Amino acid sequence: MLQKITLYKFLNIIRNKIFAFIYPLINNFVSEENKLLRNYVTDRTSGDILEIGAGDGENINYYKNYNNLYLMDNNIDLLKKITSVDKCTLILASSDYLPFKKSSFDSIVTSLVICSVKDVGKTFDELNRVLKSKGKYFFWEHTIVNNKIIYIIKNIFIFIWKFFTGGCNYNIDNILNIKSIKWGKLIIYQKQSRLVKLLGLYYIYGEIYKY
């Protein structure tokens, strides 16, 4: 048992390092066309802000109005790439257990995160717990196209994809996931992307106003 745990931890370390290398390459490829989405999920934030799955801090300079900014990720190699540490507090943690007290934040942001979380339902429960009443949850995620042939073909390679991309499930139905949130009012939009279209996906983005 000890040997299996050690091997798992070793493979996870390697996977995190690989993803930390790949992550900025993917971001650079679609950086210009994704500015609209980055602006959307950051322009409307205010007060105490938590960004979950902050990666290498690509969004940090987009935030304009905040009291305190917390950038959280479960990949320490990505967090180490964030240089503007004077603007924020870095947190190494998982989305299914947020290390914060109840009603801690005015705004919560996720960008391309829900595809990689271990437990979507638990993650949404945690968002609800740490988000203040009348607070806002802003999201930018990808979701699968409604095409069974593309779904089946991509499912053949999904385990390889997950290993190199930090556990990203590119066959996830995030419209269904987002609509499962019942603790707030939902506004949702769709957007095409050359990278996402190539993979048989499209973007969804929007916000949830907590009751």
N, C-alpha and C. Protein backbone atom coordinates (compact mmCIF):
# COMPACT_ATOMS: atom_id res chain seq x y z
N MET A 1 0.83 -1.21 0.00
CA MET A 1 0.00 0.00 0.00
C MET A 1 0.86 1.25 0.00
N LEU A 2 1.92 1.24 0.80
CA LEU A 2 2.81 2.39 0.89
C LEU A 2 3.45 2.68 -0.46
N GLN A 3 3.83 1.61 -1.18
CA GLN A 3 4.45 1.78 -2.49
C GLN A 3 3.48 2.41 -3.48
N LYS A 4 2.20 1.99 -3.44
CA LYS A 4 1.20 2.55 -4.35
C LYS A 4 0.97 4.03 -4.06
N ILE A 5 0.89 4.40 -2.80
CA ILE A 5 0.69 5.80 -2.43
C ILE A 5 1.87 6.65 -2.88
N THR A 6 3.07 6.13 -2.68
CA THR A 6 4.27 6.84 -3.09
C THR A 6 4.30 7.04 -4.61
N LEU A 7 3.93 6.00 -5.36
CA LEU A 7 3.90 6.09 -6.81
C LEU A 7 2.86 7.11 -7.27
N TYR A 8 1.69 7.09 -6.62
CA TYR A 8 0.63 8.04 -6.96
C TYR A 8 1.09 9.48 -6.74
N LYS A 9 1.72 9.71 -5.60
CA LYS A 9 2.19 11.06 -5.30
C LYS A 9 3.25 11.50 -6.30
N PHE A 10 4.13 10.56 -6.66
CA PHE A 10 5.18 10.87 -7.63
C PHE A 10 4.57 11.25 -8.98
N LEU A 11 3.61 10.44 -9.45
CA LEU A 11 2.97 10.73 -10.73
C LEU A 11 2.21 12.05 -10.69
N ASN A 12 1.61 12.36 -9.54
CA ASN A 12 0.88 13.61 -9.40
C ASN A 12 1.82 14.81 -9.45
N ILE A 13 3.00 14.67 -8.86
CA ILE A 13 4.01 15.73 -8.92
C ILE A 13 4.44 15.97 -10.36
N ILE A 14 4.69 14.87 -11.09
CA ILE A 14 5.09 14.97 -12.50
C ILE A 14 3.98 15.62 -13.32
N ARG A 15 2.75 15.20 -13.06
CA ARG A 15 1.61 15.74 -13.81
C ARG A 15 1.46 17.24 -13.56
N ASN A 16 1.61 17.66 -12.32
CA ASN A 16 1.50 19.09 -12.00
C ASN A 16 2.57 19.91 -12.70
N LYS A 17 3.78 19.37 -12.76
CA LYS A 17 4.89 20.08 -13.42
C LYS A 17 4.65 20.17 -14.93
N ILE A 18 4.14 19.09 -15.52
CA ILE A 18 3.84 19.10 -16.95
C ILE A 18 2.76 20.14 -17.26
N PHE A 19 1.71 20.14 -16.44
CA PHE A 19 0.61 21.09 -16.67
C PHE A 19 1.07 22.52 -16.46
N ALA A 20 1.94 22.74 -15.49
CA ALA A 20 2.47 24.09 -15.25
C ALA A 20 3.26 24.59 -16.46
N PHE A 21 3.85 23.66 -17.20
CA PHE A 21 4.60 24.01 -18.42
C PHE A 21 3.64 24.26 -19.59
N ILE A 22 2.61 23.42 -19.72
CA ILE A 22 1.67 23.52 -20.84
C ILE A 22 0.72 24.70 -20.69
N TYR A 23 0.32 24.99 -19.47
CA TYR A 23 -0.71 26.00 -19.17
C TYR A 23 -0.47 27.35 -19.86
N PRO A 24 0.71 27.96 -19.71
CA PRO A 24 0.92 29.26 -20.36
C PRO A 24 0.96 29.17 -21.89
N LEU A 25 1.35 28.03 -22.43
CA LEU A 25 1.38 27.86 -23.88
C LEU A 25 -0.05 27.90 -24.44
N ILE A 26 -0.97 27.22 -23.77
CA ILE A 26 -2.37 27.25 -24.19
C ILE A 26 -2.94 28.65 -24.04
N ASN A 27 -2.63 29.30 -22.93
CA ASN A 27 -3.13 30.67 -22.69
C ASN A 27 -2.65 31.63 -23.76
N ASN A 28 -1.39 31.53 -24.14
CA ASN A 28 -0.82 32.42 -25.15
C ASN A 28 -1.48 32.22 -26.51
N PHE A 29 -1.86 30.98 -26.80
CA PHE A 29 -2.45 30.65 -28.10
C PHE A 29 -3.79 31.37 -28.30
N VAL A 30 -4.55 31.52 -27.23
CA VAL A 30 -5.89 32.12 -27.34
C VAL A 30 -6.02 33.38 -26.49
N SER A 31 -4.91 34.01 -26.17
CA SER A 31 -4.93 35.13 -25.23
C SER A 31 -5.77 36.30 -25.72
N GLU A 32 -5.64 36.66 -27.01
CA GLU A 32 -6.36 37.83 -27.53
C GLU A 32 -7.87 37.61 -27.54
N GLU A 33 -8.30 36.46 -28.05
CA GLU A 33 -9.74 36.24 -28.15
C GLU A 33 -10.38 35.96 -26.78
N ASN A 34 -9.56 35.64 -25.79
CA ASN A 34 -10.11 35.38 -24.46
C ASN A 34 -10.16 36.62 -23.57
N LYS A 35 -9.67 37.75 -24.08
CA LYS A 35 -9.71 38.98 -23.29
C LYS A 35 -11.13 39.37 -22.91
N LEU A 36 -12.07 39.16 -23.83
CA LEU A 36 -13.47 39.47 -23.56
C LEU A 36 -13.96 38.69 -22.34
N LEU A 37 -13.60 37.41 -22.29
CA LEU A 37 -14.06 36.55 -21.20
C LEU A 37 -13.38 36.90 -19.90
N ARG A 38 -12.09 37.20 -19.96
CA ARG A 38 -11.36 37.60 -18.75
C ARG A 38 -11.92 38.91 -18.20
N ASN A 39 -12.22 39.84 -19.10
CA ASN A 39 -12.81 41.11 -18.67
C ASN A 39 -14.18 40.90 -18.05
N TYR A 40 -14.95 39.98 -18.63
CA TYR A 40 -16.30 39.75 -18.12
C TYR A 40 -16.26 39.25 -16.68
N VAL A 41 -15.40 38.27 -16.39
CA VAL A 41 -15.41 37.67 -15.05
C VAL A 41 -14.67 38.51 -14.01
N THR A 42 -13.98 39.57 -14.45
CA THR A 42 -13.26 40.40 -13.49
C THR A 42 -13.85 41.80 -13.34
N ASP A 43 -14.43 42.35 -14.40
CA ASP A 43 -14.95 43.73 -14.36
C ASP A 43 -16.06 43.91 -13.33
N ARG A 44 -16.83 42.87 -13.11
CA ARG A 44 -18.00 42.99 -12.24
C ARG A 44 -17.72 42.59 -10.80
N THR A 45 -16.51 42.17 -10.53
CA THR A 45 -16.15 41.76 -9.17
C THR A 45 -15.87 42.98 -8.30
N SER A 46 -16.04 42.80 -6.99
CA SER A 46 -15.75 43.89 -6.05
C SER A 46 -15.62 43.31 -4.65
N GLY A 47 -15.13 44.14 -3.74
CA GLY A 47 -15.01 43.72 -2.34
C GLY A 47 -13.91 42.69 -2.13
N ASP A 48 -14.20 41.69 -1.32
CA ASP A 48 -13.27 40.59 -1.08
C ASP A 48 -13.52 39.52 -2.14
N ILE A 49 -12.47 39.21 -2.92
CA ILE A 49 -12.61 38.34 -4.09
C ILE A 49 -11.80 37.07 -3.91
N LEU A 50 -12.40 35.94 -4.27
CA LEU A 50 -11.69 34.66 -4.32
C LEU A 50 -11.73 34.14 -5.75
N GLU A 51 -10.55 33.90 -6.33
CA GLU A 51 -10.49 33.22 -7.62
C GLU A 51 -10.01 31.79 -7.39
N ILE A 52 -10.80 30.84 -7.81
CA ILE A 52 -10.48 29.42 -7.66
C ILE A 52 -9.91 28.91 -8.98
N GLY A 53 -8.79 28.19 -8.90
CA GLY A 53 -8.13 27.73 -10.11
C GLY A 53 -7.43 28.87 -10.82
N ALA A 54 -6.70 29.66 -10.06
CA ALA A 54 -6.08 30.88 -10.59
C ALA A 54 -4.92 30.60 -11.52
N GLY A 55 -4.40 29.37 -11.51
CA GLY A 55 -3.29 29.03 -12.39
C GLY A 55 -2.06 29.86 -12.12
N ASP A 56 -1.50 30.44 -13.18
CA ASP A 56 -0.29 31.26 -13.04
C ASP A 56 -0.62 32.75 -12.86
N GLY A 57 -1.87 33.05 -12.52
CA GLY A 57 -2.26 34.43 -12.23
C GLY A 57 -2.55 35.28 -13.45
N GLU A 58 -2.99 34.63 -14.54
CA GLU A 58 -3.26 35.35 -15.78
C GLU A 58 -4.30 36.46 -15.60
N ASN A 59 -5.24 36.26 -14.70
CA ASN A 59 -6.32 37.25 -14.52
C ASN A 59 -5.95 38.40 -13.60
N ILE A 60 -4.84 38.32 -12.92
CA ILE A 60 -4.57 39.22 -11.79
C ILE A 60 -4.62 40.70 -12.18
N ASN A 61 -4.11 41.04 -13.35
CA ASN A 61 -4.08 42.45 -13.76
C ASN A 61 -5.42 42.94 -14.32
N TYR A 62 -6.38 42.04 -14.45
CA TYR A 62 -7.71 42.42 -14.93
C TYR A 62 -8.60 42.92 -13.79
N TYR A 63 -8.29 42.53 -12.57
CA TYR A 63 -9.10 42.97 -11.43
C TYR A 63 -8.85 44.45 -11.15
N LYS A 64 -9.92 45.22 -11.04
CA LYS A 64 -9.78 46.67 -10.89
C LYS A 64 -10.35 47.20 -9.58
N ASN A 65 -11.34 46.51 -9.04
CA ASN A 65 -12.06 47.04 -7.88
C ASN A 65 -12.18 45.95 -6.81
N TYR A 66 -11.30 46.01 -5.82
CA TYR A 66 -11.38 44.99 -4.76
C TYR A 66 -10.71 45.49 -3.48
N ASN A 67 -11.13 44.89 -2.38
CA ASN A 67 -10.48 45.15 -1.09
C ASN A 67 -9.34 44.16 -0.87
N ASN A 68 -9.68 42.88 -0.99
CA ASN A 68 -8.69 41.82 -0.84
C ASN A 68 -8.90 40.80 -1.94
N LEU A 69 -7.79 40.33 -2.52
CA LEU A 69 -7.84 39.37 -3.62
C LEU A 69 -7.09 38.10 -3.22
N TYR A 70 -7.79 36.97 -3.27
CA TYR A 70 -7.21 35.68 -2.94
C TYR A 70 -7.17 34.82 -4.21
N LEU A 71 -5.99 34.37 -4.58
CA LEU A 71 -5.83 33.49 -5.73
C LEU A 71 -5.53 32.09 -5.23
N MET A 72 -6.40 31.14 -5.58
CA MET A 72 -6.28 29.77 -5.08
C MET A 72 -6.10 28.78 -6.21
N ASP A 73 -5.22 27.81 -6.00
CA ASP A 73 -5.04 26.72 -6.96
C ASP A 73 -4.55 25.50 -6.20
N ASN A 74 -4.74 24.31 -6.78
CA ASN A 74 -4.23 23.10 -6.13
C ASN A 74 -2.91 22.63 -6.73
N ASN A 75 -2.35 23.45 -7.64
CA ASN A 75 -1.07 23.14 -8.28
C ASN A 75 -0.02 24.15 -7.82
N ILE A 76 0.88 23.69 -6.97
CA ILE A 76 1.88 24.61 -6.40
C ILE A 76 2.85 25.12 -7.46
N ASP A 77 3.08 24.34 -8.51
CA ASP A 77 4.00 24.77 -9.56
C ASP A 77 3.42 25.94 -10.35
N LEU A 78 2.10 26.01 -10.48
CA LEU A 78 1.47 27.16 -11.13
C LEU A 78 1.49 28.38 -10.22
N LEU A 79 1.19 28.18 -8.95
CA LEU A 79 1.20 29.31 -8.01
C LEU A 79 2.58 29.96 -7.93
N LYS A 80 3.63 29.16 -8.06
CA LYS A 80 4.99 29.69 -8.00
C LYS A 80 5.30 30.63 -9.15
N LYS A 81 4.52 30.54 -10.24
CA LYS A 81 4.74 31.40 -11.40
C LYS A 81 4.14 32.80 -11.21
N ILE A 82 3.30 32.98 -10.19
CA ILE A 82 2.67 34.28 -9.96
C ILE A 82 3.69 35.23 -9.33
N THR A 83 3.95 36.32 -10.00
CA THR A 83 4.99 37.26 -9.54
C THR A 83 4.41 38.48 -8.81
N SER A 84 3.17 38.83 -9.12
CA SER A 84 2.57 40.03 -8.51
C SER A 84 1.96 39.69 -7.15
N VAL A 85 2.77 39.14 -6.26
CA VAL A 85 2.26 38.67 -4.98
C VAL A 85 1.88 39.82 -4.05
N ASP A 86 2.32 41.04 -4.37
CA ASP A 86 1.95 42.19 -3.54
C ASP A 86 0.49 42.57 -3.73
N LYS A 87 -0.13 42.09 -4.80
CA LYS A 87 -1.52 42.43 -5.10
C LYS A 87 -2.52 41.43 -4.55
N CYS A 88 -2.04 40.29 -4.03
CA CYS A 88 -2.97 39.23 -3.68
C CYS A 88 -2.40 38.33 -2.59
N THR A 89 -3.23 37.40 -2.14
CA THR A 89 -2.82 36.34 -1.22
C THR A 89 -2.95 35.02 -1.95
N LEU A 90 -1.90 34.22 -1.95
CA LEU A 90 -1.90 32.94 -2.65
C LEU A 90 -2.32 31.83 -1.69
N ILE A 91 -3.20 30.94 -2.17
CA ILE A 91 -3.71 29.85 -1.35
C ILE A 91 -3.55 28.54 -2.12
N LEU A 92 -2.89 27.56 -1.52
CA LEU A 92 -2.79 26.22 -2.10
C LEU A 92 -3.87 25.35 -1.45
N ALA A 93 -4.91 25.02 -2.22
CA ALA A 93 -6.04 24.26 -1.65
C ALA A 93 -6.88 23.68 -2.78
N SER A 94 -7.80 22.79 -2.40
CA SER A 94 -8.71 22.16 -3.34
C SER A 94 -10.09 22.79 -3.24
N SER A 95 -10.81 22.81 -4.35
CA SER A 95 -12.11 23.48 -4.39
C SER A 95 -13.20 22.76 -3.61
N ASP A 96 -13.00 21.48 -3.30
CA ASP A 96 -14.04 20.76 -2.56
C ASP A 96 -13.89 20.92 -1.05
N TYR A 97 -12.86 21.67 -0.63
CA TYR A 97 -12.76 22.06 0.78
C TYR A 97 -12.03 23.40 0.84
N LEU A 98 -12.79 24.48 0.87
CA LEU A 98 -12.22 25.83 0.86
C LEU A 98 -11.85 26.24 2.29
N PRO A 99 -10.60 26.62 2.52
CA PRO A 99 -10.12 26.94 3.87
C PRO A 99 -10.51 28.34 4.34
N PHE A 100 -11.81 28.64 4.26
CA PHE A 100 -12.30 29.96 4.65
C PHE A 100 -13.57 29.81 5.47
N LYS A 101 -13.86 30.84 6.27
CA LYS A 101 -15.07 30.84 7.08
C LYS A 101 -16.30 31.10 6.21
N LYS A 102 -17.45 30.80 6.76
CA LYS A 102 -18.72 31.04 6.08
C LYS A 102 -18.89 32.53 5.76
N SER A 103 -19.41 32.81 4.57
CA SER A 103 -19.71 34.18 4.13
C SER A 103 -18.47 35.08 4.17
N SER A 104 -17.39 34.62 3.56
CA SER A 104 -16.13 35.37 3.57
C SER A 104 -15.97 36.30 2.38
N PHE A 105 -16.67 36.03 1.26
CA PHE A 105 -16.36 36.74 0.02
C PHE A 105 -17.59 37.41 -0.61
N ASP A 106 -17.31 38.56 -1.23
CA ASP A 106 -18.34 39.27 -2.00
C ASP A 106 -18.43 38.73 -3.42
N SER A 107 -17.30 38.27 -3.95
CA SER A 107 -17.24 37.78 -5.33
C SER A 107 -16.36 36.53 -5.39
N ILE A 108 -16.79 35.55 -6.18
CA ILE A 108 -15.99 34.36 -6.44
C ILE A 108 -15.89 34.17 -7.95
N VAL A 109 -14.71 33.80 -8.43
CA VAL A 109 -14.46 33.63 -9.86
C VAL A 109 -13.89 32.24 -10.12
N THR A 110 -14.40 31.57 -11.15
CA THR A 110 -13.74 30.37 -11.69
C THR A 110 -13.59 30.56 -13.19
N SER A 111 -12.42 30.27 -13.72
CA SER A 111 -12.21 30.33 -15.16
C SER A 111 -11.53 29.05 -15.61
N LEU A 112 -12.30 28.23 -16.36
CA LEU A 112 -11.83 26.94 -16.87
C LEU A 112 -11.36 26.05 -15.72
N VAL A 113 -12.22 25.89 -14.74
CA VAL A 113 -11.89 25.16 -13.51
C VAL A 113 -12.80 23.96 -13.28
N ILE A 114 -14.10 24.11 -13.51
CA ILE A 114 -15.06 23.08 -13.15
C ILE A 114 -14.77 21.76 -13.86
N CYS A 115 -14.14 21.82 -15.02
CA CYS A 115 -13.79 20.61 -15.77
C CYS A 115 -12.79 19.74 -15.03
N SER A 116 -12.08 20.32 -14.06
CA SER A 116 -10.98 19.61 -13.40
C SER A 116 -11.24 19.26 -11.94
N VAL A 117 -12.33 19.72 -11.37
CA VAL A 117 -12.56 19.48 -9.95
C VAL A 117 -12.97 18.02 -9.72
N LYS A 118 -12.65 17.51 -8.54
CA LYS A 118 -12.94 16.11 -8.23
C LYS A 118 -14.43 15.89 -7.97
N ASP A 119 -15.07 16.84 -7.31
CA ASP A 119 -16.48 16.69 -6.94
C ASP A 119 -17.19 18.02 -7.21
N VAL A 120 -17.91 18.08 -8.33
CA VAL A 120 -18.56 19.33 -8.74
C VAL A 120 -19.61 19.77 -7.72
N GLY A 121 -20.42 18.83 -7.25
CA GLY A 121 -21.46 19.17 -6.28
C GLY A 121 -20.89 19.73 -4.99
N LYS A 122 -19.82 19.10 -4.49
CA LYS A 122 -19.18 19.57 -3.26
C LYS A 122 -18.55 20.94 -3.48
N THR A 123 -17.98 21.15 -4.65
CA THR A 123 -17.39 22.45 -4.97
C THR A 123 -18.45 23.55 -4.94
N PHE A 124 -19.60 23.31 -5.55
CA PHE A 124 -20.68 24.31 -5.55
C PHE A 124 -21.21 24.55 -4.14
N ASP A 125 -21.26 23.49 -3.33
CA ASP A 125 -21.67 23.66 -1.93
C ASP A 125 -20.70 24.56 -1.18
N GLU A 126 -19.41 24.39 -1.46
CA GLU A 126 -18.39 25.21 -0.81
C GLU A 126 -18.46 26.66 -1.28
N LEU A 127 -18.74 26.86 -2.57
CA LEU A 127 -18.92 28.23 -3.07
C LEU A 127 -20.07 28.91 -2.34
N ASN A 128 -21.15 28.21 -2.20
CA ASN A 128 -22.32 28.74 -1.50
C ASN A 128 -21.98 29.07 -0.04
N ARG A 129 -21.18 28.24 0.58
CA ARG A 129 -20.83 28.44 1.99
C ARG A 129 -19.99 29.69 2.21
N VAL A 130 -18.99 29.91 1.36
CA VAL A 130 -18.06 31.02 1.61
C VAL A 130 -18.49 32.32 0.93
N LEU A 131 -19.51 32.26 0.06
CA LEU A 131 -20.01 33.46 -0.61
C LEU A 131 -21.06 34.15 0.27
N LYS A 132 -20.92 35.45 0.40
CA LYS A 132 -21.87 36.22 1.21
C LYS A 132 -23.25 36.25 0.57
N SER A 133 -24.27 36.49 1.38
CA SER A 133 -25.61 36.72 0.85
C SER A 133 -25.57 37.95 -0.06
N LYS A 134 -26.22 37.87 -1.21
CA LYS A 134 -26.20 38.92 -2.25
C LYS A 134 -24.84 38.98 -2.96
N GLY A 135 -23.97 38.03 -2.68
CA GLY A 135 -22.69 37.97 -3.37
C GLY A 135 -22.85 37.42 -4.78
N LYS A 136 -21.77 37.44 -5.56
CA LYS A 136 -21.85 37.03 -6.97
C LYS A 136 -20.76 36.00 -7.29
N TYR A 137 -21.16 34.98 -8.02
CA TYR A 137 -20.24 33.97 -8.53
C TYR A 137 -20.13 34.14 -10.04
N PHE A 138 -18.93 34.43 -10.53
CA PHE A 138 -18.68 34.63 -11.95
C PHE A 138 -17.93 33.42 -12.51
N PHE A 139 -18.36 32.92 -13.65
CA PHE A 139 -17.74 31.72 -14.22
C PHE A 139 -17.45 31.90 -15.71
N TRP A 140 -16.41 31.23 -16.13
CA TRP A 140 -16.05 31.10 -17.55
C TRP A 140 -15.53 29.67 -17.69
N GLU A 141 -16.29 28.83 -18.36
CA GLU A 141 -15.97 27.42 -18.45
C GLU A 141 -16.17 26.93 -19.89
N HIS A 142 -15.75 25.71 -20.15
CA HIS A 142 -16.07 25.10 -21.45
C HIS A 142 -17.06 23.96 -21.23
N THR A 143 -17.79 23.62 -22.28
CA THR A 143 -18.75 22.52 -22.20
C THR A 143 -18.76 21.77 -23.52
N ILE A 144 -19.26 20.55 -23.50
CA ILE A 144 -19.22 19.67 -24.66
C ILE A 144 -20.31 20.05 -25.67
N VAL A 145 -20.01 19.91 -26.96
CA VAL A 145 -21.04 20.09 -27.98
C VAL A 145 -21.96 18.88 -27.97
N ASN A 146 -23.18 19.06 -28.45
CA ASN A 146 -24.16 17.97 -28.46
C ASN A 146 -23.97 17.11 -29.71
N ASN A 147 -22.88 16.33 -29.71
CA ASN A 147 -22.55 15.48 -30.85
C ASN A 147 -21.99 14.16 -30.31
N LYS A 148 -22.76 13.09 -30.43
CA LYS A 148 -22.38 11.81 -29.84
C LYS A 148 -21.12 11.22 -30.47
N ILE A 149 -20.94 11.44 -31.77
CA ILE A 149 -19.76 10.90 -32.46
C ILE A 149 -18.49 11.55 -31.93
N ILE A 150 -18.50 12.89 -31.82
CA ILE A 150 -17.34 13.60 -31.27
C ILE A 150 -17.10 13.17 -29.83
N TYR A 151 -18.17 13.00 -29.08
CA TYR A 151 -18.06 12.58 -27.67
C TYR A 151 -17.36 11.23 -27.57
N ILE A 152 -17.77 10.27 -28.38
CA ILE A 152 -17.20 8.92 -28.33
C ILE A 152 -15.74 8.93 -28.75
N ILE A 153 -15.42 9.65 -29.82
CA ILE A 153 -14.03 9.72 -30.30
C ILE A 153 -13.12 10.33 -29.24
N LYS A 154 -13.58 11.40 -28.65
CA LYS A 154 -12.76 12.08 -27.64
C LYS A 154 -12.62 11.26 -26.36
N ASN A 155 -13.62 10.44 -26.07
CA ASN A 155 -13.58 9.64 -24.86
C ASN A 155 -12.46 8.60 -24.91
N ILE A 156 -12.05 8.22 -26.12
CA ILE A 156 -10.97 7.25 -26.28
C ILE A 156 -9.65 7.81 -25.73
N PHE A 157 -9.46 9.11 -25.89
CA PHE A 157 -8.18 9.73 -25.52
C PHE A 157 -8.25 10.53 -24.21
N ILE A 158 -9.38 10.45 -23.52
CA ILE A 158 -9.61 11.36 -22.40
C ILE A 158 -8.63 11.16 -21.25
N PHE A 159 -8.20 9.92 -21.00
CA PHE A 159 -7.30 9.68 -19.87
C PHE A 159 -5.92 10.28 -20.13
N ILE A 160 -5.48 10.21 -21.38
CA ILE A 160 -4.20 10.84 -21.75
C ILE A 160 -4.32 12.36 -21.60
N TRP A 161 -5.42 12.91 -22.10
CA TRP A 161 -5.66 14.35 -22.01
C TRP A 161 -5.68 14.82 -20.56
N LYS A 162 -6.38 14.07 -19.71
CA LYS A 162 -6.47 14.44 -18.30
C LYS A 162 -5.11 14.47 -17.63
N PHE A 163 -4.26 13.51 -17.97
CA PHE A 163 -2.94 13.44 -17.33
C PHE A 163 -2.12 14.69 -17.63
N PHE A 164 -2.18 15.16 -18.88
CA PHE A 164 -1.33 16.28 -19.28
C PHE A 164 -1.97 17.65 -19.02
N THR A 165 -3.25 17.68 -18.64
CA THR A 165 -3.93 18.97 -18.48
C THR A 165 -4.53 19.15 -17.09
N GLY A 166 -3.92 18.56 -16.10
CA GLY A 166 -4.36 18.78 -14.72
C GLY A 166 -5.72 18.20 -14.40
N GLY A 167 -6.11 17.13 -15.11
CA GLY A 167 -7.39 16.48 -14.83
C GLY A 167 -8.57 17.03 -15.59
N CYS A 168 -8.33 17.87 -16.60
CA CYS A 168 -9.42 18.48 -17.38
C CYS A 168 -10.25 17.42 -18.10
N ASN A 169 -11.54 17.42 -17.85
CA ASN A 169 -12.48 16.53 -18.54
C ASN A 169 -13.13 17.30 -19.68
N TYR A 170 -12.67 17.08 -20.90
CA TYR A 170 -13.20 17.86 -22.02
C TYR A 170 -14.54 17.33 -22.52
N ASN A 171 -15.05 16.29 -21.90
CA ASN A 171 -16.38 15.79 -22.24
C ASN A 171 -17.42 16.12 -21.17
N ILE A 172 -17.13 17.09 -20.34
CA ILE A 172 -18.04 17.45 -19.26
C ILE A 172 -19.16 18.37 -19.76
N ASP A 173 -20.34 18.18 -19.21
CA ASP A 173 -21.48 19.03 -19.55
C ASP A 173 -21.61 20.11 -18.48
N ASN A 174 -20.94 21.22 -18.70
CA ASN A 174 -20.93 22.27 -17.68
C ASN A 174 -22.18 23.14 -17.69
N ILE A 175 -22.94 23.10 -18.76
CA ILE A 175 -24.24 23.78 -18.73
C ILE A 175 -25.13 23.10 -17.70
N LEU A 176 -25.15 21.77 -17.75
CA LEU A 176 -25.92 20.99 -16.78
C LEU A 176 -25.42 21.24 -15.36
N ASN A 177 -24.09 21.29 -15.21
CA ASN A 177 -23.51 21.52 -13.89
C ASN A 177 -23.88 22.89 -13.33
N ILE A 178 -23.70 23.92 -14.14
CA ILE A 178 -24.00 25.28 -13.68
C ILE A 178 -25.48 25.44 -13.35
N LYS A 179 -26.34 24.84 -14.17
CA LYS A 179 -27.78 24.96 -13.94
C LYS A 179 -28.24 24.16 -12.72
N SER A 180 -27.37 23.30 -12.20
CA SER A 180 -27.73 22.54 -11.00
C SER A 180 -27.65 23.41 -9.74
N ILE A 181 -27.02 24.59 -9.85
CA ILE A 181 -26.92 25.51 -8.71
C ILE A 181 -28.28 26.15 -8.45
N LYS A 182 -28.78 25.96 -7.25
CA LYS A 182 -30.12 26.44 -6.91
C LYS A 182 -30.10 27.58 -5.89
N TRP A 183 -28.90 28.02 -5.50
CA TRP A 183 -28.83 29.04 -4.45
C TRP A 183 -28.69 30.46 -4.98
N GLY A 184 -28.94 30.64 -6.29
CA GLY A 184 -28.84 31.98 -6.85
C GLY A 184 -29.51 32.10 -8.21
N LYS A 185 -29.61 33.32 -8.70
CA LYS A 185 -30.18 33.60 -10.01
C LYS A 185 -29.09 33.53 -11.07
N LEU A 186 -29.33 32.76 -12.13
CA LEU A 186 -28.32 32.48 -13.15
C LEU A 186 -28.50 33.35 -14.39
N ILE A 187 -27.36 33.90 -14.87
CA ILE A 187 -27.27 34.53 -16.19
C ILE A 187 -26.15 33.80 -16.93
N ILE A 188 -26.42 33.29 -18.14
CA ILE A 188 -25.43 32.48 -18.84
C ILE A 188 -25.39 32.84 -20.33
N TYR A 189 -24.17 32.86 -20.89
CA TYR A 189 -23.94 33.17 -22.30
C TYR A 189 -23.04 32.08 -22.91
N GLN A 190 -23.00 32.08 -24.26
CA GLN A 190 -22.15 31.14 -24.97
C GLN A 190 -21.22 31.88 -25.91
N LYS A 191 -20.04 31.29 -26.17
CA LYS A 191 -19.08 31.91 -27.08
C LYS A 191 -18.23 30.82 -27.73
N GLN A 192 -18.00 30.97 -29.03
CA GLN A 192 -17.13 30.05 -29.75
C GLN A 192 -15.67 30.48 -29.60
N SER A 193 -14.76 29.54 -29.80
CA SER A 193 -13.33 29.82 -29.76
C SER A 193 -12.63 28.88 -30.73
N ARG A 194 -11.57 29.34 -31.37
CA ARG A 194 -10.88 28.48 -32.33
C ARG A 194 -10.29 27.25 -31.65
N LEU A 195 -9.74 27.42 -30.45
CA LEU A 195 -9.17 26.28 -29.74
C LEU A 195 -10.26 25.35 -29.25
N VAL A 196 -11.29 25.92 -28.66
CA VAL A 196 -12.36 25.11 -28.11
C VAL A 196 -13.16 24.43 -29.22
N LYS A 197 -13.35 25.12 -30.34
CA LYS A 197 -14.07 24.53 -31.47
C LYS A 197 -13.29 23.34 -32.03
N LEU A 198 -11.97 23.45 -32.05
CA LEU A 198 -11.12 22.36 -32.53
C LEU A 198 -11.30 21.11 -31.69
N LEU A 199 -11.53 21.29 -30.40
CA LEU A 199 -11.68 20.17 -29.48
C LEU A 199 -13.13 19.71 -29.33
N GLY A 200 -14.03 20.28 -30.11
CA GLY A 200 -15.44 19.91 -30.00
C GLY A 200 -16.10 20.47 -28.77
N LEU A 201 -15.74 21.69 -28.40
CA LEU A 201 -16.27 22.35 -27.22
C LEU A 201 -16.68 23.77 -27.56
N TYR A 202 -17.32 24.44 -26.62
CA TYR A 202 -17.50 25.88 -26.71
C TYR A 202 -17.51 26.45 -25.30
N TYR A 203 -17.34 27.76 -25.22
CA TYR A 203 -17.29 28.42 -23.92
C TYR A 203 -18.69 28.78 -23.43
N ILE A 204 -18.85 28.73 -22.11
CA ILE A 204 -20.00 29.35 -21.46
C ILE A 204 -19.46 30.30 -20.40
N TYR A 205 -20.15 31.41 -20.19
CA TYR A 205 -19.73 32.35 -19.16
C TYR A 205 -20.96 33.06 -18.62
N GLY A 206 -20.82 33.61 -17.44
CA GLY A 206 -21.96 34.29 -16.84
C GLY A 206 -21.77 34.50 -15.36
N GLU A 207 -22.87 34.61 -14.65
CA GLU A 207 -22.80 34.91 -13.22
C GLU A 207 -24.03 34.37 -12.50
N ILE A 208 -23.86 34.18 -11.21
CA ILE A 208 -24.96 33.76 -10.35
C ILE A 208 -25.04 34.73 -9.18
N TYR A 209 -26.20 35.34 -9.01
CA TYR A 209 -26.44 36.25 -7.89
C TYR A 209 -27.03 35.43 -6.74
N LYS A 210 -26.32 35.36 -5.65
CA LYS A 210 -26.78 34.54 -4.53
C LYS A 210 -27.98 35.20 -3.85
N TYR A 211 -28.97 34.38 -3.55
CA TYR A 211 -30.18 34.89 -2.88
C TYR A 211 -29.86 35.37 -1.47
